[in-house]
Amino acid sequence: MKYFIIPIAMAAYLLLSGCDKQKAAIDTQRDATKTAIDDQKKAVDTAAADAKKQAEIDATIDKAKIEANKVAAQAQLDADKKKADAQAELEKAKLDAEKK
């Protein structure tokens, strides 16, 4: 009977050590998964920060374009106004010339 206890004890030890290896492998897989998720979270944060910066740059560019278009339109309107004044003066001068 004593001889049966030793092989049973060795089998139990091997079985338990096999379970420990499986548990260690599971823990290693869990840690690797957590690390991969953390890396993905960092990448998402970085991408979001970059997108915000780009949006701010784009908004600044759009504002500058709007302001430039406004200035150009106002300059054109000022030129049209001066042209209308000049045209009116020309018409008046023609009338004055015809009367004389």
PDB file of N, CA and C in Angstrom:
ATOM      1  N   MET A   1       0.804  -1.167   0.000  1.00  0.00           N
ATOM      2  CA  MET A   1       0.000   0.000   0.000  1.00  0.00           C
ATOM      3  C   MET A   1       0.861   1.250   0.000  1.00  0.00           C
ATOM      4  N   LYS A   2       1.971   1.206   0.716  1.00  0.00           N
ATOM      5  CA  LYS A   2       2.857   2.347   0.743  1.00  0.00           C
ATOM      6  C   LYS A   2       3.368   2.678  -0.651  1.00  0.00           C
ATOM      7  N   TYR A   3       3.510   1.669  -1.459  1.00  0.00           N
ATOM      8  CA  TYR A   3       4.056   1.899  -2.794  1.00  0.00           C
ATOM      9  C   TYR A   3       3.063   2.604  -3.712  1.00  0.00           C
ATOM     10  N   PHE A   4       1.813   2.486  -3.411  1.00  0.00           N
ATOM     11  CA  PHE A   4       0.805   3.178  -4.221  1.00  0.00           C
ATOM     12  C   PHE A   4       0.688   4.665  -3.853  1.00  0.00           C
ATOM     13  N   ILE A   5       1.021   5.006  -2.668  1.00  0.00           N
ATOM     14  CA  ILE A   5       0.911   6.396  -2.215  1.00  0.00           C
ATOM     15  C   ILE A   5       1.939   7.275  -2.912  1.00  0.00           C
ATOM     16  N   ILE A   6       3.139   6.791  -3.112  1.00  0.00           N
ATOM     17  CA  ILE A   6       4.193   7.590  -3.749  1.00  0.00           C
ATOM     18  C   ILE A   6       3.804   7.945  -5.185  1.00  0.00           C
ATOM     19  N   PRO A   7       3.363   6.992  -6.033  1.00  0.00           N
ATOM     20  CA  PRO A   7       2.967   7.382  -7.389  1.00  0.00           C
ATOM     21  C   PRO A   7       1.752   8.306  -7.399  1.00  0.00           C
ATOM     22  N   ILE A   8       0.841   8.098  -6.471  1.00  0.00           N
ATOM     23  CA  ILE A   8      -0.330   8.968  -6.417  1.00  0.00           C
ATOM     24  C   ILE A   8       0.090  10.383  -6.008  1.00  0.00           C
ATOM     25  N   ALA A   9       0.998  10.497  -5.056  1.00  0.00           N
ATOM     26  CA  ALA A   9       1.486  11.796  -4.620  1.00  0.00           C
ATOM     27  C   ALA A   9       2.224  12.497  -5.757  1.00  0.00           C
ATOM     28  N   MET A  10       3.018  11.736  -6.507  1.00  0.00           N
ATOM     29  CA  MET A  10       3.754  12.308  -7.651  1.00  0.00           C
ATOM     30  C   MET A  10       2.784  12.747  -8.749  1.00  0.00           C
ATOM     31  N   ALA A  11       1.755  11.973  -8.996  1.00  0.00           N
ATOM     32  CA  ALA A  11       0.760  12.331 -10.006  1.00  0.00           C
ATOM     33  C   ALA A  11       0.017  13.587  -9.588  1.00  0.00           C
ATOM     34  N   ALA A  12      -0.325  13.689  -8.317  1.00  0.00           N
ATOM     35  CA  ALA A  12      -1.017  14.874  -7.824  1.00  0.00           C
ATOM     36  C   ALA A  12      -0.115  16.103  -7.952  1.00  0.00           C
ATOM     37  N   TYR A  13       1.160  15.921  -7.630  1.00  0.00           N
ATOM     38  CA  TYR A  13       2.109  17.025  -7.758  1.00  0.00           C
ATOM     39  C   TYR A  13       2.215  17.489  -9.221  1.00  0.00           C
ATOM     40  N   LEU A  14       2.335  16.542 -10.118  1.00  0.00           N
ATOM     41  CA  LEU A  14       2.434  16.884 -11.538  1.00  0.00           C
ATOM     42  C   LEU A  14       1.151  17.551 -12.035  1.00  0.00           C
ATOM     43  N   LEU A  15       0.030  17.066 -11.569  1.00  0.00           N
ATOM     44  CA  LEU A  15      -1.246  17.644 -11.961  1.00  0.00           C
ATOM     45  C   LEU A  15      -1.360  19.083 -11.452  1.00  0.00           C
ATOM     46  N   LEU A  16      -0.997  19.286 -10.204  1.00  0.00           N
ATOM     47  CA  LEU A  16      -1.060  20.624  -9.630  1.00  0.00           C
ATOM     48  C   LEU A  16      -0.052  21.564 -10.287  1.00  0.00           C
ATOM     49  N   SER A  17       1.137  21.060 -10.587  1.00  0.00           N
ATOM     50  CA  SER A  17       2.138  21.930 -11.224  1.00  0.00           C
ATOM     51  C   SER A  17       1.708  22.244 -12.655  1.00  0.00           C
ATOM     52  N   GLY A  18       1.007  21.312 -13.296  1.00  0.00           N
ATOM     53  CA  GLY A  18       0.456  21.580 -14.626  1.00  0.00           C
ATOM     54  C   GLY A  18      -0.601  22.662 -14.557  1.00  0.00           C
ATOM     55  N   CYS A  19      -1.430  22.641 -13.530  1.00  0.00           N
ATOM     56  CA  CYS A  19      -2.451  23.675 -13.330  1.00  0.00           C
ATOM     57  C   CYS A  19      -1.795  25.027 -13.081  1.00  0.00           C
ATOM     58  N   ASP A  20      -0.697  25.008 -12.308  1.00  0.00           N
ATOM     59  CA  ASP A  20       0.012  26.263 -12.041  1.00  0.00           C
ATOM     60  C   ASP A  20       0.563  26.850 -13.335  1.00  0.00           C
ATOM     61  N   LYS A  21       1.062  26.006 -14.203  1.00  0.00           N
ATOM     62  CA  LYS A  21       1.583  26.488 -15.495  1.00  0.00           C
ATOM     63  C   LYS A  21       0.456  27.061 -16.342  1.00  0.00           C
ATOM     64  N   GLN A  22      -0.685  26.391 -16.322  1.00  0.00           N
ATOM     65  CA  GLN A  22      -1.832  26.898 -17.076  1.00  0.00           C
ATOM     66  C   GLN A  22      -2.313  28.227 -16.501  1.00  0.00           C
ATOM     67  N   LYS A  23      -2.338  28.316 -15.170  1.00  0.00           N
ATOM     68  CA  LYS A  23      -2.742  29.568 -14.537  1.00  0.00           C
ATOM     69  C   LYS A  23      -1.747  30.686 -14.863  1.00  0.00           C
ATOM     70  N   ALA A  24      -0.474  30.332 -14.852  1.00  0.00           N
ATOM     71  CA  ALA A  24       0.552  31.326 -15.190  1.00  0.00           C
ATOM     72  C   ALA A  24       0.389  31.783 -16.642  1.00  0.00           C
ATOM     73  N   ALA A  25       0.068  30.845 -17.513  1.00  0.00           N
ATOM     74  CA  ALA A  25      -0.145  31.191 -18.921  1.00  0.00           C
ATOM     75  C   ALA A  25      -1.367  32.088 -19.071  1.00  0.00           C
ATOM     76  N   ILE A  26      -2.408  31.787 -18.304  1.00  0.00           N
ATOM     77  CA  ILE A  26      -3.622  32.621 -18.339  1.00  0.00           C
ATOM     78  C   ILE A  26      -3.303  34.027 -17.836  1.00  0.00           C
ATOM     79  N   ASP A  27      -2.536  34.087 -16.734  1.00  0.00           N
ATOM     80  CA  ASP A  27      -2.147  35.398 -16.199  1.00  0.00           C
ATOM     81  C   ASP A  27      -1.300  36.175 -17.201  1.00  0.00           C
ATOM     82  N   THR A  28      -0.395  35.489 -17.859  1.00  0.00           N
ATOM     83  CA  THR A  28       0.446  36.134 -18.867  1.00  0.00           C
ATOM     84  C   THR A  28      -0.399  36.659 -20.020  1.00  0.00           C
ATOM     85  N   GLN A  29      -1.371  35.867 -20.460  1.00  0.00           N
ATOM     86  CA  GLN A  29      -2.263  36.290 -21.545  1.00  0.00           C
ATOM     87  C   GLN A  29      -3.099  37.493 -21.116  1.00  0.00           C
ATOM     88  N   ARG A  30      -3.593  37.446 -19.874  1.00  0.00           N
ATOM     89  CA  ARG A  30      -4.373  38.568 -19.351  1.00  0.00           C
ATOM     90  C   ARG A  30      -3.536  39.842 -19.322  1.00  0.00           C
ATOM     91  N   ASP A  31      -2.305  39.730 -18.838  1.00  0.00           N
ATOM     92  CA  ASP A  31      -1.427  40.898 -18.768  1.00  0.00           C
ATOM     93  C   ASP A  31      -1.111  41.443 -20.160  1.00  0.00           C
ATOM     94  N   ALA A  32      -0.899  40.552 -21.093  1.00  0.00           N
ATOM     95  CA  ALA A  32      -0.618  40.984 -22.468  1.00  0.00           C
ATOM     96  C   ALA A  32      -1.830  41.693 -23.069  1.00  0.00           C
ATOM     97  N   THR A  33      -3.013  41.165 -22.789  1.00  0.00           N
ATOM     98  CA  THR A  33      -4.247  41.792 -23.290  1.00  0.00           C
ATOM     99  C   THR A  33      -4.429  43.174 -22.670  1.00  0.00           C
ATOM    100  N   LYS A  34      -4.193  43.284 -21.362  1.00  0.00           N
ATOM    101  CA  LYS A  34      -4.320  44.578 -20.693  1.00  0.00           C
ATOM    102  C   LYS A  34      -3.323  45.589 -21.270  1.00  0.00           C
ATOM    103  N   THR A  35      -2.117  45.144 -21.496  1.00  0.00           N
ATOM    104  CA  THR A  35      -1.095  46.028 -22.059  1.00  0.00           C
ATOM    105  C   THR A  35      -1.493  46.485 -23.450  1.00  0.00           C
ATOM    106  N   ALA A  36      -2.005  45.575 -24.262  1.00  0.00           N
ATOM    107  CA  ALA A  36      -2.442  45.938 -25.612  1.00  0.00           C
ATOM    108  C   ALA A  36      -3.594  46.939 -25.560  1.00  0.00           C
ATOM    109  N   ILE A  37      -4.516  46.739 -24.638  1.00  0.00           N
ATOM    110  CA  ILE A  37      -5.646  47.670 -24.494  1.00  0.00           C
ATOM    111  C   ILE A  37      -5.150  49.033 -24.040  1.00  0.00           C
ATOM    112  N   ASP A  38      -4.227  49.058 -23.083  1.00  0.00           N
ATOM    113  CA  ASP A  38      -3.665  50.332 -22.624  1.00  0.00           C
ATOM    114  C   ASP A  38      -2.955  51.060 -23.769  1.00  0.00           C
ATOM    115  N   ASP A  39      -2.223  50.309 -24.580  1.00  0.00           N
ATOM    116  CA  ASP A  39      -1.547  50.915 -25.735  1.00  0.00           C
ATOM    117  C   ASP A  39      -2.562  51.494 -26.722  1.00  0.00           C
ATOM    118  N   GLN A  40      -3.661  50.773 -26.925  1.00  0.00           N
ATOM    119  CA  GLN A  40      -4.702  51.273 -27.826  1.00  0.00           C
ATOM    120  C   GLN A  40      -5.348  52.531 -27.263  1.00  0.00           C
ATOM    121  N   LYS A  41      -5.563  52.557 -25.946  1.00  0.00           N
ATOM    122  CA  LYS A  41      -6.144  53.743 -25.314  1.00  0.00           C
ATOM    123  C   LYS A  41      -5.222  54.947 -25.498  1.00  0.00           C
ATOM    124  N   LYS A  42      -3.921  54.731 -25.330  1.00  0.00           N
ATOM    125  CA  LYS A  42      -2.958  55.818 -25.528  1.00  0.00           C
ATOM    126  C   LYS A  42      -2.984  56.297 -26.975  1.00  0.00           C
ATOM    127  N   ALA A  43      -3.082  55.364 -27.907  1.00  0.00           N
ATOM    128  CA  ALA A  43      -3.130  55.728 -29.325  1.00  0.00           C
ATOM    129  C   ALA A  43      -4.395  56.530 -29.637  1.00  0.00           C
ATOM    130  N   VAL A  44      -5.513  56.142 -29.031  1.00  0.00           N
ATOM    131  CA  VAL A  44      -6.766  56.880 -29.236  1.00  0.00           C
ATOM    132  C   VAL A  44      -6.644  58.294 -28.661  1.00  0.00           C
ATOM    133  N   ASP A  45      -6.063  58.401 -27.475  1.00  0.00           N
ATOM    134  CA  ASP A  45      -5.866  59.717 -26.866  1.00  0.00           C
ATOM    135  C   ASP A  45      -4.977  60.599 -27.746  1.00  0.00           C
ATOM    136  N   THR A  46      -3.905  60.028 -28.247  1.00  0.00           N
ATOM    137  CA  THR A  46      -2.987  60.781 -29.103  1.00  0.00           C
ATOM    138  C   THR A  46      -3.681  61.207 -30.387  1.00  0.00           C
ATOM    139  N   ALA A  47      -4.425  60.305 -30.989  1.00  0.00           N
ATOM    140  CA  ALA A  47      -5.144  60.630 -32.228  1.00  0.00           C
ATOM    141  C   ALA A  47      -6.178  61.722 -31.982  1.00  0.00           C
ATOM    142  N   ALA A  48      -6.867  61.656 -30.856  1.00  0.00           N
ATOM    143  CA  ALA A  48      -7.871  62.682 -30.540  1.00  0.00           C
ATOM    144  C   ALA A  48      -7.202  64.038 -30.323  1.00  0.00           C
ATOM    145  N   ALA A  49      -6.082  64.055 -29.627  1.00  0.00           N
ATOM    146  CA  ALA A  49      -5.364  65.312 -29.397  1.00  0.00           C
ATOM    147  C   ALA A  49      -4.878  65.897 -30.721  1.00  0.00           C
ATOM    148  N   ASP A  50      -4.353  65.030 -31.588  1.00  0.00           N
ATOM    149  CA  ASP A  50      -3.898  65.495 -32.907  1.00  0.00           C
ATOM    150  C   ASP A  50      -5.067  66.030 -33.729  1.00  0.00           C
ATOM    151  N   ALA A  51      -6.199  65.354 -33.659  1.00  0.00           N
ATOM    152  CA  ALA A  51      -7.377  65.797 -34.410  1.00  0.00           C
ATOM    153  C   ALA A  51      -7.870  67.148 -33.894  1.00  0.00           C
ATOM    154  N   LYS A  52      -7.827  67.339 -32.563  1.00  0.00           N
ATOM    155  CA  LYS A  52      -8.237  68.630 -31.995  1.00  0.00           C
ATOM    156  C   LYS A  52      -7.310  69.743 -32.461  1.00  0.00           C
ATOM    157  N   LYS A  53      -6.009  69.471 -32.452  1.00  0.00           N
ATOM    158  CA  LYS A  53      -5.045  70.472 -32.907  1.00  0.00           C
ATOM    159  C   LYS A  53      -5.293  70.817 -34.370  1.00  0.00           C
ATOM    160  N   GLN A  54      -5.513  69.794 -35.182  1.00  0.00           N
ATOM    161  CA  GLN A  54      -5.762  70.031 -36.600  1.00  0.00           C
ATOM    162  C   GLN A  54      -7.049  70.808 -36.806  1.00  0.00           C
ATOM    163  N   ALA A  55      -8.068  70.503 -36.016  1.00  0.00           N
ATOM    164  CA  ALA A  55      -9.337  71.238 -36.121  1.00  0.00           C
ATOM    165  C   ALA A  55      -9.137  72.708 -35.762  1.00  0.00           C
ATOM    166  N   GLU A  56      -8.324  72.966 -34.741  1.00  0.00           N
ATOM    167  CA  GLU A  56      -8.040  74.356 -34.373  1.00  0.00           C
ATOM    168  C   GLU A  56      -7.281  75.070 -35.489  1.00  0.00           C
ATOM    169  N   ILE A  57      -6.333  74.377 -36.091  1.00  0.00           N
ATOM    170  CA  ILE A  57      -5.579  74.961 -37.203  1.00  0.00           C
ATOM    171  C   ILE A  57      -6.512  75.241 -38.377  1.00  0.00           C
ATOM    172  N   ASP A  58      -7.362  74.265 -38.684  1.00  0.00           N
ATOM    173  CA  ASP A  58      -8.313  74.445 -39.790  1.00  0.00           C
ATOM    174  C   ASP A  58      -9.258  75.608 -39.509  1.00  0.00           C
ATOM    175  N   ALA A  59      -9.710  75.725 -38.254  1.00  0.00           N
ATOM    176  CA  ALA A  59     -10.612  76.819 -37.899  1.00  0.00           C
ATOM    177  C   ALA A  59      -9.905  78.164 -38.054  1.00  0.00           C
ATOM    178  N   THR A  60      -8.655  78.219 -37.663  1.00  0.00           N
ATOM    179  CA  THR A  60      -7.883  79.453 -37.809  1.00  0.00           C
ATOM    180  C   THR A  60      -7.725  79.820 -39.279  1.00  0.00           C
ATOM    181  N   ILE A  61      -7.455  78.821 -40.089  1.00  0.00           N
ATOM    182  CA  ILE A  61      -7.315  79.063 -41.529  1.00  0.00           C
ATOM    183  C   ILE A  61      -8.636  79.531 -42.124  1.00  0.00           C
ATOM    184  N   ASP A  62      -9.723  78.864 -41.735  1.00  0.00           N
ATOM    185  CA  ASP A  62     -11.046  79.255 -42.240  1.00  0.00           C
ATOM    186  C   ASP A  62     -11.394  80.686 -41.834  1.00  0.00           C
ATOM    187  N   LYS A  63     -11.084  81.041 -40.575  1.00  0.00           N
ATOM    188  CA  LYS A  63     -11.351  82.402 -40.120  1.00  0.00           C
ATOM    189  C   LYS A  63     -10.536  83.413 -40.923  1.00  0.00           C
ATOM    190  N   ALA A  64      -9.283  83.076 -41.197  1.00  0.00           N
ATOM    191  CA  ALA A  64      -8.436  83.980 -41.976  1.00  0.00           C
ATOM    192  C   ALA A  64      -8.973  84.140 -43.400  1.00  0.00           C
ATOM    193  N   LYS A  65      -9.452  83.036 -43.982  1.00  0.00           N
ATOM    194  CA  LYS A  65     -10.034  83.113 -45.332  1.00  0.00           C
ATOM    195  C   LYS A  65     -11.287  83.981 -45.333  1.00  0.00           C
ATOM    196  N   ILE A  66     -12.116  83.813 -44.322  1.00  0.00           N
ATOM    197  CA  ILE A  66     -13.343  84.618 -44.221  1.00  0.00           C
ATOM    198  C   ILE A  66     -12.985  86.091 -44.098  1.00  0.00           C
ATOM    199  N   GLU A  67     -12.029  86.385 -43.251  1.00  0.00           N
ATOM    200  CA  GLU A  67     -11.615  87.779 -43.066  1.00  0.00           C
ATOM    201  C   GLU A  67     -11.027  88.344 -44.367  1.00  0.00           C
ATOM    202  N   ALA A  68     -10.227  87.543 -45.061  1.00  0.00           N
ATOM    203  CA  ALA A  68      -9.646  88.000 -46.329  1.00  0.00           C
ATOM    204  C   ALA A  68     -10.735  88.251 -47.366  1.00  0.00           C
ATOM    205  N   ASN A  69     -11.717  87.367 -47.422  1.00  0.00           N
ATOM    206  CA  ASN A  69     -12.828  87.559 -48.358  1.00  0.00           C
ATOM    207  C   ASN A  69     -13.625  88.816 -48.006  1.00  0.00           C
ATOM    208  N   LYS A  70     -13.808  89.055 -46.719  1.00  0.00           N
ATOM    209  CA  LYS A  70     -14.532  90.254 -46.278  1.00  0.00           C
ATOM    210  C   LYS A  70     -13.775  91.516 -46.698  1.00  0.00           C
ATOM    211  N   VAL A  71     -12.469  91.509 -46.465  1.00  0.00           N
ATOM    212  CA  VAL A  71     -11.656  92.671 -46.821  1.00  0.00           C
ATOM    213  C   VAL A  71     -11.680  92.886 -48.330  1.00  0.00           C
ATOM    214  N   ALA A  72     -11.573  91.807 -49.083  1.00  0.00           N
ATOM    215  CA  ALA A  72     -11.596  91.920 -50.545  1.00  0.00           C
ATOM    216  C   ALA A  72     -12.949  92.442 -51.031  1.00  0.00           C
ATOM    217  N   ALA A  73     -14.034  91.941 -50.436  1.00  0.00           N
ATOM    218  CA  ALA A  73     -15.366  92.398 -50.836  1.00  0.00           C
ATOM    219  C   ALA A  73     -15.560  93.867 -50.492  1.00  0.00           C
ATOM    220  N   GLN A  74     -15.087  94.268 -49.319  1.00  0.00           N
ATOM    221  CA  GLN A  74     -15.208  95.677 -48.941  1.00  0.00           C
ATOM    222  C   GLN A  74     -14.371  96.565 -49.855  1.00  0.00           C
ATOM    223  N   ALA A  75     -13.196  96.113 -50.205  1.00  0.00           N
ATOM    224  CA  ALA A  75     -12.349  96.885 -51.119  1.00  0.00           C
ATOM    225  C   ALA A  75     -13.029  97.022 -52.479  1.00  0.00           C
ATOM    226  N   GLN A  76     -13.638  95.932 -52.947  1.00  0.00           N
ATOM    227  CA  GLN A  76     -14.349  95.991 -54.236  1.00  0.00           C
ATOM    228  C   GLN A  76     -15.520  96.956 -54.152  1.00  0.00           C
ATOM    229  N   LEU A  77     -16.251  96.920 -53.042  1.00  0.00           N
ATOM    230  CA  LEU A  77     -17.380  97.831 -52.869  1.00  0.00           C
ATOM    231  C   LEU A  77     -16.908  99.290 -52.791  1.00  0.00           C
ATOM    232  N   ASP A  78     -15.794  99.527 -52.105  1.00  0.00           N
ATOM    233  CA  ASP A  78     -15.234 100.885 -52.060  1.00  0.00           C
ATOM    234  C   ASP A  78     -14.833 101.353 -53.451  1.00  0.00           C
ATOM    235  N   ALA A  79     -14.242 100.438 -54.226  1.00  0.00           N
ATOM    236  CA  ALA A  79     -13.852 100.780 -55.601  1.00  0.00           C
ATOM    237  C   ALA A  79     -15.088 101.068 -56.446  1.00  0.00           C
ATOM    238  N   ASP A  80     -16.129 100.255 -56.279  1.00  0.00           N
ATOM    239  CA  ASP A  80     -17.379 100.490 -57.019  1.00  0.00           C
ATOM    240  C   ASP A  80     -17.990 101.838 -56.634  1.00  0.00           C
ATOM    241  N   LYS A  81     -17.899 102.185 -55.375  1.00  0.00           N
ATOM    242  CA  LYS A  81     -18.421 103.456 -54.887  1.00  0.00           C
ATOM    243  C   LYS A  81     -17.665 104.624 -55.534  1.00  0.00           C
ATOM    244  N   LYS A  82     -16.333 104.518 -55.565  1.00  0.00           N
ATOM    245  CA  LYS A  82     -15.521 105.566 -56.195  1.00  0.00           C
ATOM    246  C   LYS A  82     -15.807 105.649 -57.692  1.00  0.00           C
ATOM    247  N   LYS A  83     -16.007 104.490 -58.288  1.00  0.00           N
ATOM    248  CA  LYS A  83     -16.319 104.466 -59.720  1.00  0.00           C
ATOM    249  C   LYS A  83     -17.657 105.168 -59.976  1.00  0.00           C
ATOM    250  N   ALA A  84     -18.655 104.904 -59.106  1.00  0.00           N
ATOM    251  CA  ALA A  84     -19.963 105.550 -59.252  1.00  0.00           C
ATOM    252  C   ALA A  84     -19.834 107.063 -59.092  1.00  0.00           C
ATOM    253  N   ASP A  85     -19.013 107.493 -58.122  1.00  0.00           N
ATOM    254  CA  ASP A  85     -18.779 108.925 -57.936  1.00  0.00           C
ATOM    255  C   ASP A  85     -18.116 109.533 -59.172  1.00  0.00           C
ATOM    256  N   ALA A  86     -17.131 108.834 -59.694  1.00  0.00           N
ATOM    257  CA  ALA A  86     -16.428 109.330 -60.874  1.00  0.00           C
ATOM    258  C   ALA A  86     -17.361 109.376 -62.076  1.00  0.00           C
ATOM    259  N   GLN A  87     -18.192 108.356 -62.209  1.00  0.00           N
ATOM    260  CA  GLN A  87     -19.137 108.322 -63.321  1.00  0.00           C
ATOM    261  C   GLN A  87     -20.131 109.490 -63.216  1.00  0.00           C
ATOM    262  N   ALA A  88     -20.590 109.749 -62.008  1.00  0.00           N
ATOM    263  CA  ALA A  88     -21.522 110.865 -61.796  1.00  0.00           C
ATOM    264  C   ALA A  88     -20.842 112.188 -62.124  1.00  0.00           C
ATOM    265  N   GLU A  89     -19.618 112.352 -61.712  1.00  0.00           N
ATOM    266  CA  GLU A  89     -18.877 113.582 -62.026  1.00  0.00           C
ATOM    267  C   GLU A  89     -18.686 113.742 -63.526  1.00  0.00           C
ATOM    268  N   LEU A  90     -18.418 112.634 -64.207  1.00  0.00           N
ATOM    269  CA  LEU A  90     -18.259 112.670 -65.661  1.00  0.00           C
ATOM    270  C   LEU A  90     -19.550 113.098 -66.337  1.00  0.00           C
ATOM    271  N   GLU A  91     -20.662 112.508 -65.879  1.00  0.00           N
ATOM    272  CA  GLU A  91     -21.959 112.862 -66.456  1.00  0.00           C
ATOM    273  C   GLU A  91     -22.278 114.344 -66.218  1.00  0.00           C
ATOM    274  N   LYS A  92     -21.984 114.820 -65.031  1.00  0.00           N
ATOM    275  CA  LYS A  92     -22.206 116.242 -64.729  1.00  0.00           C
ATOM    276  C   LYS A  92     -21.344 117.130 -65.619  1.00  0.00           C
ATOM    277  N   ALA A  93     -20.092 116.720 -65.803  1.00  0.00           N
ATOM    278  CA  ALA A  93     -19.179 117.509 -66.632  1.00  0.00           C
ATOM    279  C   ALA A  93     -19.662 117.530 -68.072  1.00  0.00           C
ATOM    280  N   LYS A  94     -20.197 116.422 -68.576  1.00  0.00           N
ATOM    281  CA  LYS A  94     -20.727 116.377 -69.947  1.00  0.00           C
ATOM    282  C   LYS A  94     -21.915 117.330 -70.084  1.00  0.00           C
ATOM    283  N   LEU A  95     -22.788 117.296 -69.072  1.00  0.00           N
ATOM    284  CA  LEU A  95     -23.955 118.188 -69.102  1.00  0.00           C
ATOM    285  C   LEU A  95     -23.525 119.646 -69.095  1.00  0.00           C
ATOM    286  N   ASP A  96     -22.557 119.951 -68.265  1.00  0.00           N
ATOM    287  CA  ASP A  96     -22.054 121.317 -68.196  1.00  0.00           C
ATOM    288  C   ASP A  96     -21.423 121.717 -69.529  1.00  0.00           C
ATOM    289  N   ALA A  97     -20.724 120.787 -70.155  1.00  0.00           N
ATOM    290  CA  ALA A  97     -20.054 121.089 -71.425  1.00  0.00           C
ATOM    291  C   ALA A  97     -21.077 121.302 -72.531  1.00  0.00           C
ATOM    292  N   GLU A  98     -22.164 120.549 -72.494  1.00  0.00           N
ATOM    293  CA  GLU A  98     -23.187 120.691 -73.529  1.00  0.00           C
ATOM    294  C   GLU A  98     -23.950 122.001 -73.390  1.00  0.00           C
ATOM    295  N   LYS A  99     -24.133 122.474 -72.188  1.00  0.00           N
ATOM    296  CA  LYS A  99     -24.853 123.697 -71.931  1.00  0.00           C
ATOM    297  C   LYS A  99     -24.055 124.922 -72.371  1.00  0.00           C
ATOM    298  N   LYS A 100     -22.778 124.818 -72.434  1.00  0.00           N
ATOM    299  CA  LYS A 100     -21.936 125.961 -72.760  1.00  0.00           C
ATOM    300  C   LYS A 100     -21.683 126.020 -74.201  1.00  0.00           C
TER     301      LYS A 100
END
